[in-house]
């Protein structure tokens, strides 16, 4: 009884604390005001954490712990650099390189924006305790690249590593039943073989060579050294040298401790030693700008990021994306649209539905441009190919025009090893198909192959129609092969090199609008109370058993695998190291 009473009072005490925190956060979130940008301010690029395509509000638990879920959004970074170029209140840019997680094309767009900023005559300083290769690529553009005296610079080249699971599945008794179209459609190879096929190795070698060529060109031009020198840095593992070693080969401008760099910044901004630096982040800088009203004529920038799925919450959800596009098509205030794609693909069905919705958007007499981010491949290219004009970065990974189907067979594990058998009663021979507890019959495999081939034929016909070339020409460069943006331009898969800002500026001019007349979609709901209610719903009861939000996420992931559309237009995930 005493334990029960103690538990009651402890629970009540915790409830009061959480309640006070929630109310305080609600009040804080509702009383925000626009930040003031003071004279002699410095735009502060904190390269740490993830760099998402656009702002994503932290969830309720991150707010209560005062933990931000990610770093500055790419859209805010690019817009802030562009506006700060001609803003008299911004003296320069300070890059604090502490290990940002971003794709190669995202970094390329930041490099381009920084180079454009320098044309104004304003300065850029960069500092790091130790530069990672990705951060160094962006920091090398700075007028002065400062390194902690005991830090290092990591330049090692580009590699991609692909895990292969067939050996593990053989031991478990699991078989992946796969049908595909495309010699280079290697997304399924990890489940079929124990190493890269010659075709996969070829396209990956071409890819990493192209990415490294871009990186060496940026670093060599920015640091005033030759491309051969940069390759020598990589071959000799520059990161293992001392800070003085990095200075000797001109990888950095000077060795400084952070306080010394900040002292230099104070002098550049006429700030006393005892005062804080007038730093302003891209998100705060953009929050201080006048927001363009969606009730006026504008260009819509619609973000399509993540896996393409039929339904669900995360990624590009077909059942949500299609109504969003149709709504923008029928909105008289939307004069044109830039679809920002950062996706390696997914459901072929959802890709087709999104493609059709975008065709409807164009049928309303509105211009559609696509801006490709780090990836716009397979299903990501499917939804892009019908645009009036496609922009890609030089390091964007695109193409992968191919289709596959994959159905697991767990009978070797569940039946042969665990001894669990299933008895099925069915009205027709294929009533239980697809059945993960038994192998496909030859007839079922032939039917699946036919389905995949029809989807591939539809995919290539959509590309041929959108790009204005013959279907045979599309198939000659398809076969699931992945291309970088530069190669895609030469092949006619994209129309121009440039990032999101370039696409917006051109389509706005075509629509007779200013490039600042932009509204981002879908709308971000960062209302604290709505998030709290949504998070609370993630804890559910099944009978008398309470299921935590963490366990529920795992269950949702497994359910997603079970319900995933068996026909996929998806490229193999690529991690560039």
Protein backbone atom coordinates (compact mmCIF):
# COMPACT_ATOMS: atom_id res chain seq x y z
CA UNK A 1 0.00 0.00 0.00
CA UNK A 2 2.83 2.38 0.89
CA UNK A 3 4.49 1.59 -2.46
CA UNK A 4 1.27 2.40 -4.29
CA UNK A 5 0.90 5.70 -2.45
CA UNK A 6 4.54 6.62 -3.11
CA UNK A 7 4.13 5.74 -6.77
CA UNK A 8 1.03 7.92 -7.00
CA UNK A 9 2.75 10.97 -5.53
CA UNK A 10 5.89 10.48 -7.65
CA UNK A 11 3.75 10.17 -10.80
CA UNK A 12 1.79 13.28 -9.84
CA UNK A 13 5.01 15.20 -9.22
CA UNK A 14 6.44 14.18 -12.61
CA UNK A 15 3.15 15.06 -14.31
CA UNK A 16 3.27 18.56 -12.81
CA UNK A 17 6.87 19.06 -13.99
CA UNK A 18 6.07 17.89 -17.52
CA UNK A 19 2.90 20.00 -17.55
CA UNK A 20 4.79 23.14 -16.56
CA UNK A 21 7.40 22.42 -19.24
CA UNK A 22 4.72 21.89 -21.88
CA UNK A 23 2.87 25.08 -20.98
CA UNK A 24 6.12 27.02 -20.93
CA UNK A 25 7.10 25.68 -24.33
CA UNK A 26 3.67 26.48 -25.77
CA UNK A 27 3.93 30.06 -24.47
CA UNK A 28 7.48 30.35 -25.79
CA UNK A 29 6.55 28.99 -29.19
CA UNK A 30 3.63 31.36 -29.53
CA UNK A 31 5.42 34.50 -28.42
CA UNK A 32 8.30 34.48 -30.87
CA UNK A 33 9.27 37.68 -32.62
CA UNK A 34 11.42 38.32 -35.64
CA UNK A 35 15.12 38.55 -34.77
CA UNK A 36 16.87 41.86 -35.32
CA UNK A 37 19.89 41.97 -37.63
CA UNK A 38 22.35 44.48 -36.25
CA UNK A 39 24.95 46.46 -38.13
CA UNK A 40 28.28 44.70 -38.76
CA UNK A 41 26.69 41.27 -38.36
CA UNK A 42 28.39 38.06 -39.49
CA UNK A 43 26.47 35.30 -41.23
CA UNK A 44 27.38 32.20 -39.23
CA UNK A 45 27.48 28.85 -41.03
CA UNK A 46 27.68 26.19 -38.36
CA UNK A 47 28.58 23.06 -40.30
CA UNK A 48 27.53 20.44 -37.78
CA UNK A 49 24.74 17.86 -37.68
CA UNK A 50 22.48 16.99 -40.59
CA UNK A 51 21.74 19.53 -43.31
CA UNK A 52 18.15 18.74 -44.40
CA UNK A 53 16.63 20.17 -47.56
CA UNK A 54 14.33 22.45 -45.57
CA UNK A 55 13.47 23.35 -42.00
CA UNK A 56 11.98 20.52 -39.96
CA UNK A 57 10.60 21.32 -36.50
CA UNK A 58 12.03 19.36 -33.58
CA UNK A 59 9.64 16.89 -32.01
CA UNK A 60 8.14 17.35 -28.56
CA UNK A 61 10.83 15.39 -26.69
CA UNK A 62 13.65 17.24 -28.43
CA UNK A 63 12.01 20.51 -27.40
CA UNK A 64 11.69 19.45 -23.76
CA UNK A 65 15.37 18.38 -23.71
CA UNK A 66 16.41 21.49 -25.67
CA UNK A 67 17.90 19.24 -28.34
CA UNK A 68 17.68 20.24 -31.99
CA UNK A 69 17.02 17.37 -34.36
CA UNK A 70 19.20 18.66 -37.19
CA UNK A 71 21.39 21.49 -38.39
CA UNK A 72 20.57 24.44 -40.60
CA UNK A 73 18.38 23.69 -43.61
CA UNK A 74 19.93 23.85 -47.07
CA UNK A 75 17.15 26.12 -48.35
CA UNK A 76 17.85 28.63 -45.55
CA UNK A 77 21.62 28.46 -46.07
CA UNK A 78 21.38 29.14 -49.80
CA UNK A 79 18.82 31.93 -49.47
CA UNK A 80 20.71 33.58 -46.61
CA UNK A 81 24.01 33.62 -48.52
CA UNK A 82 22.28 35.06 -51.60
CA UNK A 83 20.54 37.85 -49.67
CA UNK A 84 23.54 38.59 -47.42
CA UNK A 85 25.67 39.27 -50.50
CA UNK A 86 23.96 42.67 -50.97
CA UNK A 87 22.94 43.30 -47.35
CA UNK A 88 24.88 46.23 -45.89
CA UNK A 89 24.34 44.84 -42.37
CA UNK A 90 26.31 41.67 -43.15
CA UNK A 91 30.09 42.15 -43.11
CA UNK A 92 31.09 38.64 -44.05
CA UNK A 93 30.63 34.92 -43.43
CA UNK A 94 32.16 32.79 -40.69
CA UNK A 95 32.22 29.03 -41.35
CA UNK A 96 32.56 26.86 -38.26
CA UNK A 97 33.35 23.42 -39.71
CA UNK A 98 32.56 20.76 -37.13
CA UNK A 99 31.38 17.77 -39.17
CA UNK A 100 28.24 18.37 -41.20
CA UNK A 101 26.30 15.44 -42.67
CA UNK A 102 25.22 16.31 -46.20
CA UNK A 103 25.14 14.86 -49.68
CA UNK A 104 27.67 15.85 -52.31
CA UNK A 105 25.24 17.93 -54.38
CA UNK A 106 24.12 19.83 -51.26
CA UNK A 107 27.74 20.71 -50.60
CA UNK A 108 28.17 21.70 -54.25
CA UNK A 109 25.28 24.18 -54.00
CA UNK A 110 26.78 25.72 -50.87
CA UNK A 111 30.16 26.03 -52.61
CA UNK A 112 28.50 27.79 -55.57
CA UNK A 113 26.63 30.17 -53.24
CA UNK A 114 29.82 31.02 -51.33
CA UNK A 115 31.71 31.70 -54.55
CA UNK A 116 28.94 34.04 -55.68
CA UNK A 117 29.01 35.79 -52.28
CA UNK A 118 32.74 36.49 -52.66
CA UNK A 119 32.08 38.39 -55.87
CA UNK A 120 30.61 41.17 -53.67
CA UNK A 121 34.04 41.81 -52.17
CA UNK A 122 32.97 40.64 -48.71
CA UNK A 123 35.15 38.21 -46.79
CA UNK A 124 34.68 34.57 -45.78
CA UNK A 125 36.64 33.02 -42.93
CA UNK A 126 36.60 29.34 -42.00
CA UNK A 127 37.78 27.59 -38.86
CA UNK A 128 37.86 23.99 -37.63
CA UNK A 129 39.42 21.94 -34.87
CA UNK A 130 39.91 19.33 -37.61
CA UNK A 131 38.42 19.40 -41.12
CA UNK A 132 36.49 16.41 -42.42
CA UNK A 133 36.75 16.03 -46.20
CA UNK A 134 33.18 17.21 -46.83
CA UNK A 135 33.54 20.27 -44.60
CA UNK A 136 36.92 21.07 -46.13
CA UNK A 137 35.37 21.10 -49.60
CA UNK A 138 33.04 23.92 -48.53
CA UNK A 139 35.60 25.70 -46.33
CA UNK A 140 38.33 25.73 -48.99
CA UNK A 141 36.40 28.49 -50.79
CA UNK A 142 37.03 30.87 -47.87
CA UNK A 143 39.50 33.74 -48.11
CA UNK A 144 41.23 32.39 -45.02
CA UNK A 145 41.09 28.76 -43.89
CA UNK A 146 42.13 28.53 -40.23
CA UNK A 147 43.04 25.26 -38.49
CA UNK A 148 43.64 24.51 -34.84
CA UNK A 149 47.42 24.06 -34.40
CA UNK A 150 46.97 20.44 -33.32
CA UNK A 151 44.17 19.69 -35.78
CA UNK A 152 44.29 18.09 -39.22
CA UNK A 153 42.76 18.17 -42.67
CA UNK A 154 41.18 14.97 -44.00
CA UNK A 155 41.60 14.60 -47.76
CA UNK A 156 41.47 10.96 -48.80
CA UNK A 157 39.54 10.66 -52.08
CA UNK A 158 36.08 9.23 -52.73
CA UNK A 159 34.94 5.66 -52.14
CA UNK A 160 31.65 3.83 -51.87
CA UNK A 161 31.12 0.69 -49.83
CA UNK A 162 28.22 -1.71 -50.44
CA UNK A 163 27.31 -4.49 -47.98
CA UNK A 164 26.25 -7.85 -49.44
CA UNK A 165 23.85 -10.03 -47.45
CA UNK A 166 23.59 -13.23 -49.47
CA UNK A 167 26.03 -15.13 -47.25
CA UNK A 168 24.07 -14.18 -44.15
CA UNK A 169 20.74 -15.08 -45.75
CA UNK A 170 22.12 -18.44 -46.88
CA UNK A 171 23.04 -19.23 -43.28
CA UNK A 172 19.61 -18.14 -42.09
CA UNK A 173 17.82 -20.04 -44.83
CA UNK A 174 16.23 -16.93 -46.36
CA UNK A 175 15.97 -16.48 -50.12
CA UNK A 176 15.16 -13.29 -51.98
CA UNK A 177 13.10 -13.98 -55.09
CA UNK A 178 14.04 -11.23 -57.53
CA UNK A 179 12.92 -10.15 -60.97
CA UNK A 180 14.39 -7.07 -62.63
CA UNK A 181 14.94 -5.17 -65.86
CA UNK A 182 18.29 -3.47 -66.46
CA UNK A 183 21.84 -4.78 -66.52
CA UNK A 184 22.92 -1.96 -64.20
CA UNK A 185 19.92 -2.20 -61.86
CA UNK A 186 22.13 -3.19 -58.96
CA UNK A 187 19.85 -2.29 -56.04
CA UNK A 188 19.02 -6.00 -55.65
CA UNK A 189 22.57 -7.34 -56.01
CA UNK A 190 23.31 -7.37 -52.25
CA UNK A 191 20.59 -10.01 -51.93
CA UNK A 192 21.70 -12.02 -54.97
CA UNK A 193 25.51 -12.18 -54.90
CA UNK A 194 28.46 -11.81 -52.56
CA UNK A 195 30.23 -9.05 -54.51
CA UNK A 196 29.67 -6.38 -57.14
CA UNK A 197 28.88 -7.48 -60.66
CA UNK A 198 31.19 -6.11 -63.38
CA UNK A 199 28.40 -3.75 -64.51
CA UNK A 200 27.87 -2.44 -60.98
CA UNK A 201 31.60 -2.01 -60.40
CA UNK A 202 31.91 -0.08 -63.68
CA UNK A 203 29.14 2.39 -62.90
CA UNK A 204 30.36 2.89 -59.32
CA UNK A 205 33.92 3.52 -60.52
CA UNK A 206 32.69 6.09 -63.04
CA UNK A 207 30.59 7.70 -60.31
CA UNK A 208 33.36 8.06 -57.69
CA UNK A 209 35.83 9.26 -60.34
CA UNK A 210 33.42 11.99 -61.39
CA UNK A 211 32.75 13.09 -57.80
CA UNK A 212 36.46 13.19 -57.00
CA UNK A 213 37.21 15.17 -60.14
CA UNK A 214 34.73 17.81 -58.95
CA UNK A 215 36.23 17.89 -55.46
CA UNK A 216 39.81 18.21 -56.68
CA UNK A 217 38.84 21.03 -59.03
CA UNK A 218 37.16 23.01 -56.23
CA UNK A 219 39.97 22.47 -53.73
CA UNK A 220 42.81 23.13 -56.18
CA UNK A 221 41.23 26.31 -57.57
CA UNK A 222 40.31 27.62 -54.12
CA UNK A 223 43.68 26.91 -52.51
CA UNK A 224 45.82 27.86 -55.51
CA UNK A 225 47.43 24.45 -55.92
CA UNK A 226 47.36 21.87 -58.70
CA UNK A 227 44.96 18.93 -58.94
CA UNK A 228 48.03 16.69 -58.76
CA UNK A 229 48.85 18.22 -55.38
CA UNK A 230 45.39 17.45 -54.06
CA UNK A 231 45.74 13.85 -55.25
CA UNK A 232 49.10 13.68 -53.50
CA UNK A 233 47.43 14.87 -50.28
CA UNK A 234 44.91 12.06 -50.63
CA UNK A 235 47.51 9.41 -51.46
CA UNK A 236 49.65 10.37 -48.46
CA UNK A 237 46.71 10.64 -46.03
CA UNK A 238 47.01 14.34 -45.25
CA UNK A 239 44.95 13.81 -42.08
CA UNK A 240 47.87 11.96 -40.48
CA UNK A 241 50.12 15.00 -40.78
CA UNK A 242 50.41 17.71 -38.18
CA UNK A 243 48.75 21.07 -38.52
CA UNK A 244 52.09 22.45 -39.65
CA UNK A 245 52.18 19.77 -42.35
CA UNK A 246 48.81 20.94 -43.66
CA UNK A 247 50.07 24.53 -43.62
CA UNK A 248 53.27 23.58 -45.46
CA UNK A 249 51.32 22.17 -48.44
CA UNK A 250 48.95 25.19 -48.47
CA UNK A 251 45.92 23.17 -47.42
CA UNK A 252 45.20 25.90 -44.83
CA UNK A 253 46.00 29.59 -44.56
CA UNK A 254 47.16 29.73 -40.95
CA UNK A 255 47.17 27.83 -37.65
CA UNK A 256 45.00 29.54 -35.04
CA UNK A 257 43.16 28.66 -31.88
CA UNK A 258 39.45 29.42 -31.89
CA UNK A 259 39.82 32.41 -29.56
CA UNK A 260 42.38 33.91 -31.95
CA UNK A 261 40.03 33.52 -34.90
CA UNK A 262 37.21 35.09 -32.92
CA UNK A 263 39.51 37.98 -32.01
CA UNK A 264 40.13 38.53 -35.72
CA UNK A 265 36.38 38.48 -36.36
CA UNK A 266 35.83 41.06 -33.60
CA UNK A 267 38.36 43.35 -35.22
CA UNK A 268 36.63 42.89 -38.61
CA UNK A 269 33.27 43.81 -37.04
CA UNK A 270 34.40 46.64 -34.69
CA UNK A 271 33.35 44.65 -31.63
CA UNK A 272 35.01 45.10 -28.23
CA UNK A 273 36.88 42.17 -26.74
CA UNK A 274 34.31 41.79 -23.96
CA UNK A 275 31.30 41.73 -26.30
CA UNK A 276 29.78 38.75 -28.06
CA UNK A 277 30.35 38.33 -31.76
CA UNK A 278 27.38 39.58 -33.82
CA UNK A 279 26.72 36.17 -35.35
CA UNK A 280 23.45 35.43 -37.11
CA UNK A 281 22.50 31.95 -38.31
CA UNK A 282 20.86 31.38 -41.71
CA UNK A 283 17.57 30.39 -40.06
CA UNK A 284 17.51 33.54 -37.90
CA UNK A 285 18.56 35.66 -40.85
CA UNK A 286 15.74 34.29 -42.97
CA UNK A 287 13.28 34.66 -40.09
CA UNK A 288 14.15 38.37 -40.04
CA UNK A 289 13.27 38.73 -43.73
CA UNK A 290 9.81 39.64 -44.90
CA UNK A 291 7.84 36.46 -45.58
CA UNK A 292 6.11 36.38 -48.93
CA UNK A 293 2.37 35.80 -48.68
CA UNK A 294 0.84 32.73 -50.27
CA UNK A 295 -2.18 34.92 -51.05
CA UNK A 296 -0.21 36.73 -53.75
CA UNK A 297 1.06 35.51 -57.12
CA UNK A 298 4.11 33.35 -56.48
CA UNK A 299 6.34 30.46 -57.46
CA UNK A 300 5.71 27.29 -55.48
CA UNK A 301 8.74 25.27 -54.39
CA UNK A 302 7.52 21.78 -53.58
CA UNK A 303 9.96 19.52 -51.73
CA UNK A 304 9.95 15.82 -52.62
CA UNK A 305 12.56 14.20 -50.39
CA UNK A 306 13.11 10.63 -49.24
CA UNK A 307 11.79 7.24 -50.31
CA UNK A 308 8.74 7.18 -52.56
CA UNK A 309 6.01 5.17 -50.85
CA UNK A 310 2.33 4.57 -51.48
CA UNK A 311 1.19 5.53 -47.97
CA UNK A 312 2.59 6.30 -44.55
CA UNK A 313 4.23 9.24 -42.81
CA UNK A 314 7.85 9.71 -43.89
CA UNK A 315 9.39 10.39 -47.29
CA UNK A 316 7.46 11.11 -50.49
CA UNK A 317 4.03 9.67 -49.73
CA UNK A 318 2.01 9.23 -52.89
CA UNK A 319 -1.40 9.56 -51.27
CA UNK A 320 -0.31 12.91 -49.76
CA UNK A 321 1.89 14.28 -52.54
CA UNK A 322 -0.72 13.86 -55.29
CA UNK A 323 -3.41 16.00 -53.55
CA UNK A 324 -0.75 18.61 -52.76
CA UNK A 325 0.21 18.89 -56.44
CA UNK A 326 -3.43 19.01 -57.57
CA UNK A 327 -4.14 21.76 -55.05
CA UNK A 328 -1.20 23.83 -56.35
CA UNK A 329 -2.40 23.25 -59.91
CA UNK A 330 -5.82 24.69 -59.08
CA UNK A 331 -4.45 27.55 -56.97
CA UNK A 332 -4.67 30.72 -59.06
CA UNK A 333 -1.91 32.36 -56.99
CA UNK A 334 0.60 29.69 -58.03
CA UNK A 335 2.00 30.79 -61.39
CA UNK A 336 4.80 28.21 -61.68
CA UNK A 337 6.47 25.50 -59.64
CA UNK A 338 9.91 24.11 -58.90
CA UNK A 339 9.80 20.50 -57.74
CA UNK A 340 12.86 19.94 -55.57
CA UNK A 341 13.66 16.22 -55.80
CA UNK A 342 16.05 14.45 -53.46
CA UNK A 343 15.13 10.79 -53.74
CA UNK A 344 16.57 7.47 -54.79
CA UNK A 345 13.07 6.27 -55.73
CA UNK A 346 10.75 3.66 -54.33
CA UNK A 347 7.26 2.53 -55.26
CA UNK A 348 6.72 2.44 -59.02
CA UNK A 349 2.96 2.83 -58.50
CA UNK A 350 3.33 5.99 -56.38
CA UNK A 351 5.86 7.38 -58.88
CA UNK A 352 3.33 7.02 -61.70
CA UNK A 353 0.60 8.73 -59.66
CA UNK A 354 2.87 11.67 -58.88
CA UNK A 355 3.97 11.87 -62.53
CA UNK A 356 0.33 12.07 -63.62
CA UNK A 357 -0.48 14.78 -61.07
CA UNK A 358 2.44 16.83 -62.37
CA UNK A 359 1.11 16.42 -65.91
CA UNK A 360 -2.19 17.84 -64.69
CA UNK A 361 -0.27 20.79 -63.19
CA UNK A 362 1.25 21.53 -66.60
CA UNK A 363 -2.14 21.13 -68.32
CA UNK A 364 -3.32 24.14 -66.31
CA UNK A 365 -0.90 26.28 -68.34
CA UNK A 366 1.69 26.49 -65.56
CA UNK A 367 5.43 26.03 -65.92
CA UNK A 368 7.06 23.12 -64.09
CA UNK A 369 10.80 23.03 -63.40
CA UNK A 370 12.67 20.36 -61.47
CA UNK A 371 15.70 20.98 -59.28
CA UNK A 372 17.59 17.79 -58.48
CA UNK A 373 19.44 17.53 -55.18
CA UNK A 374 21.82 14.80 -54.05
CA UNK A 375 19.69 12.10 -55.71
CA UNK A 376 16.97 12.08 -58.33
CA UNK A 377 17.27 8.49 -59.48
CA UNK A 378 14.92 5.67 -60.48
CA UNK A 379 11.52 6.71 -59.11
CA UNK A 380 13.09 10.10 -58.33
CA UNK A 381 13.82 10.51 -62.04
CA UNK A 382 10.40 9.09 -62.94
CA UNK A 383 8.66 12.01 -61.21
CA UNK A 384 11.17 14.49 -62.70
CA UNK A 385 11.24 13.50 -66.35
CA UNK A 386 8.08 15.33 -67.45
CA UNK A 387 9.25 18.78 -66.31
CA UNK A 388 9.57 21.67 -68.75
CA UNK A 389 13.19 22.02 -67.63
CA UNK A 390 15.40 19.98 -65.33
CA UNK A 391 18.28 21.48 -63.33
CA UNK A 392 20.88 19.22 -61.73
CA UNK A 393 24.10 19.76 -59.87
CA UNK A 394 27.28 18.38 -61.33
CA UNK A 395 27.43 15.81 -58.51
CA UNK A 396 23.74 14.86 -58.51
CA UNK A 397 23.18 11.11 -58.91
CA UNK A 398 20.38 10.54 -61.39
CA UNK A 399 19.09 8.11 -64.00
CA UNK A 400 18.87 4.51 -62.71
CA UNK A 401 15.99 4.00 -65.12
CA UNK A 402 15.08 0.43 -64.26
CA UNK A 403 12.60 -1.64 -62.28
CA UNK A 404 12.79 -4.64 -60.00
CA UNK A 405 10.53 -6.84 -57.91
CA UNK A 406 11.64 -8.59 -54.73
CA UNK A 407 9.68 -11.08 -52.61
CA UNK A 408 11.36 -12.84 -49.67
CA UNK A 409 11.08 -16.58 -49.09
CA UNK A 410 11.48 -17.36 -45.36
CA UNK A 411 10.61 -21.04 -45.63
CA UNK A 412 14.24 -22.14 -45.24
CA UNK A 413 14.41 -20.31 -41.90
CA UNK A 414 10.90 -20.67 -40.51
CA UNK A 415 10.06 -24.17 -41.77
CA UNK A 416 13.37 -25.99 -42.23
CA UNK A 417 15.28 -24.52 -39.27
CA UNK A 418 12.59 -23.50 -36.79
CA UNK A 419 10.14 -26.26 -37.64
CA UNK A 420 7.11 -23.99 -38.13
CA UNK A 421 4.79 -25.13 -40.89
CA UNK A 422 1.75 -23.47 -42.40
CA UNK A 423 -1.40 -25.05 -43.81
CA UNK A 424 -3.26 -22.93 -46.34
CA UNK A 425 -6.79 -23.20 -47.64
CA UNK A 426 -7.39 -21.21 -50.82
CA UNK A 427 -10.03 -20.89 -53.51
CA UNK A 428 -7.53 -20.42 -56.34
CA UNK A 429 -3.89 -21.44 -56.93
CA UNK A 430 -2.61 -17.88 -56.33
CA UNK A 431 -5.02 -16.77 -53.61
CA UNK A 432 -2.21 -16.44 -51.02
CA UNK A 433 0.33 -14.81 -53.39
CA UNK A 434 2.75 -13.33 -52.50
CA UNK A 435 3.41 -15.83 -49.73
CA UNK A 436 6.72 -15.16 -47.89
CA UNK A 437 6.66 -18.70 -46.48
CA UNK A 438 7.13 -20.52 -49.77
CA UNK A 439 8.95 -20.11 -53.06
CA UNK A 440 7.23 -18.71 -56.13
CA UNK A 441 6.15 -21.22 -58.73
CA UNK A 442 7.61 -20.88 -62.25
CA UNK A 443 4.26 -19.50 -63.41
CA UNK A 444 4.22 -16.87 -60.64
CA UNK A 445 7.83 -15.89 -61.39
CA UNK A 446 6.97 -15.47 -65.09
CA UNK A 447 3.96 -13.31 -64.22
CA UNK A 448 6.08 -11.14 -61.90
CA UNK A 449 8.70 -10.75 -64.64
CA UNK A 450 5.98 -9.65 -67.04
CA UNK A 451 4.71 -7.10 -64.52
CA UNK A 452 8.20 -5.67 -64.02
CA UNK A 453 8.81 -5.47 -67.77
CA UNK A 454 5.52 -3.65 -68.34
CA UNK A 455 6.43 -1.15 -65.63
CA UNK A 456 9.87 -0.67 -67.21
CA UNK A 457 8.26 -0.09 -70.60
CA UNK A 458 5.92 2.49 -69.05
CA UNK A 459 8.83 4.14 -67.22
CA UNK A 460 10.93 4.47 -70.38
CA UNK A 461 7.93 5.74 -72.35
CA UNK A 462 7.37 8.48 -69.74
CA UNK A 463 11.02 9.48 -70.03
CA UNK A 464 10.87 9.45 -73.85
CA UNK A 465 7.76 11.65 -73.81
CA UNK A 466 9.16 14.06 -71.27
CA UNK A 467 12.59 14.38 -72.82
CA UNK A 468 11.41 14.45 -76.44
CA UNK A 469 13.48 11.48 -77.59
CA UNK A 470 12.67 7.99 -78.81
CA UNK A 471 12.00 5.18 -76.37
CA UNK A 472 14.79 3.14 -77.95
CA UNK A 473 17.20 6.00 -77.23
CA UNK A 474 16.05 6.04 -73.61
CA UNK A 475 16.56 2.30 -73.28
CA UNK A 476 20.08 2.60 -74.65
CA UNK A 477 21.08 4.79 -71.68
CA UNK A 478 18.73 3.20 -69.16
CA UNK A 479 19.25 -0.40 -67.99
CA UNK A 480 19.25 0.92 -64.43
CA UNK A 481 22.53 2.82 -64.87
CA UNK A 482 23.27 5.71 -62.51
CA UNK A 483 24.77 8.91 -63.95
CA UNK A 484 26.20 12.02 -62.33
CA UNK A 485 24.63 15.34 -63.27
CA UNK A 486 27.37 16.29 -65.70
CA UNK A 487 27.03 13.02 -67.63
CA UNK A 488 23.22 13.30 -67.51
CA UNK A 489 23.47 16.72 -69.16
CA UNK A 490 25.50 15.28 -72.04
CA UNK A 491 23.00 12.44 -72.44
CA UNK A 492 19.99 14.74 -72.47
CA UNK A 493 18.51 13.49 -69.19
CA UNK A 494 18.76 16.99 -67.71
CA UNK A 495 18.79 20.44 -69.30
CA UNK A 496 21.07 22.65 -67.21
CA UNK A 497 23.64 22.66 -64.43
CA UNK A 498 22.54 24.61 -61.37
CA UNK A 499 20.98 24.34 -57.95
CA UNK A 500 17.65 25.24 -56.43
CA UNK A 501 18.31 28.98 -56.47
CA UNK A 502 19.11 28.94 -60.20
CA UNK A 503 15.94 27.01 -61.01
CA UNK A 504 13.77 29.34 -58.94
CA UNK A 505 15.30 32.46 -60.46
CA UNK A 506 14.75 31.29 -64.02
CA UNK A 507 11.20 29.98 -63.61
CA UNK A 508 10.21 33.14 -61.71
CA UNK A 509 11.49 35.30 -64.56
CA UNK A 510 9.58 33.16 -67.04
CA UNK A 511 6.41 33.64 -64.99
CA UNK A 512 6.99 37.41 -64.78
CA UNK A 513 7.65 37.33 -61.04
CA UNK A 514 10.48 38.42 -58.78
CA UNK A 515 12.75 35.60 -57.59
CA UNK A 516 11.75 36.41 -53.99
CA UNK A 517 8.08 35.71 -54.73
CA UNK A 518 8.45 32.16 -53.47
CA UNK A 519 6.43 30.00 -51.09
CA UNK A 520 7.64 26.60 -49.87
CA UNK A 521 5.37 23.56 -49.83
CA UNK A 522 4.10 21.44 -48.19
CA UNK A 523 3.42 23.71 -45.25
CA UNK A 524 5.41 22.85 -42.13
CA UNK A 525 3.26 22.40 -39.04
CA UNK A 526 5.45 23.44 -36.12
CA UNK A 527 2.62 24.17 -33.71
CA UNK A 528 3.84 22.78 -30.42
CA UNK A 529 0.46 21.55 -29.17
CA UNK A 530 -0.24 19.68 -32.40
CA UNK A 531 3.12 17.95 -32.11
CA UNK A 532 2.43 17.06 -28.48
CA UNK A 533 -0.89 15.45 -29.38
CA UNK A 534 0.65 13.60 -32.32
CA UNK A 535 3.50 12.31 -30.15
CA UNK A 536 1.11 11.23 -27.42
CA UNK A 537 -0.78 9.13 -29.94
CA UNK A 538 2.41 7.18 -30.67
CA UNK A 539 1.99 5.31 -27.39
CA UNK A 540 -0.82 2.83 -27.86
CA UNK A 541 -2.33 -0.12 -26.05
CA UNK A 542 -2.83 -3.58 -27.49
CA UNK A 543 -5.21 -5.35 -25.14
CA UNK A 544 -3.67 -4.88 -21.69
CA UNK A 545 -0.14 -4.39 -23.09
CA UNK A 546 1.30 -0.87 -23.39
CA UNK A 547 3.46 -0.29 -26.48
CA UNK A 548 6.05 2.48 -26.26
CA UNK A 549 6.71 4.92 -29.09
CA UNK A 550 10.11 3.29 -29.74
CA UNK A 551 8.64 -0.19 -30.01
CA UNK A 552 5.84 1.17 -32.17
CA UNK A 553 8.37 2.65 -34.62
CA UNK A 554 10.01 -0.76 -34.96
CA UNK A 555 6.62 -2.37 -35.53
CA UNK A 556 5.79 0.28 -38.13
CA UNK A 557 9.10 -0.38 -39.90
CA UNK A 558 8.41 -4.12 -40.05
CA UNK A 559 4.88 -3.47 -41.22
CA UNK A 560 6.28 -1.22 -43.94
CA UNK A 561 8.46 -4.06 -45.19
CA UNK A 562 5.49 -6.40 -45.23
CA UNK A 563 3.23 -3.98 -47.09
CA UNK A 564 5.87 -2.50 -49.44
CA UNK A 565 4.79 -2.48 -53.06
CA UNK A 566 6.56 -5.49 -54.64
CA UNK A 567 7.42 -3.54 -57.82
CA UNK A 568 10.04 -0.89 -57.11
CA UNK A 569 11.76 1.84 -59.12
CA UNK A 570 14.59 2.36 -56.68
CA UNK A 571 18.36 2.80 -56.89
CA UNK A 572 20.84 1.16 -54.56
CA UNK A 573 21.66 3.37 -51.56
CA UNK A 574 25.09 4.93 -52.02
CA UNK A 575 27.19 6.15 -49.12
CA UNK A 576 30.03 8.31 -50.38
CA UNK A 577 33.02 8.26 -48.01
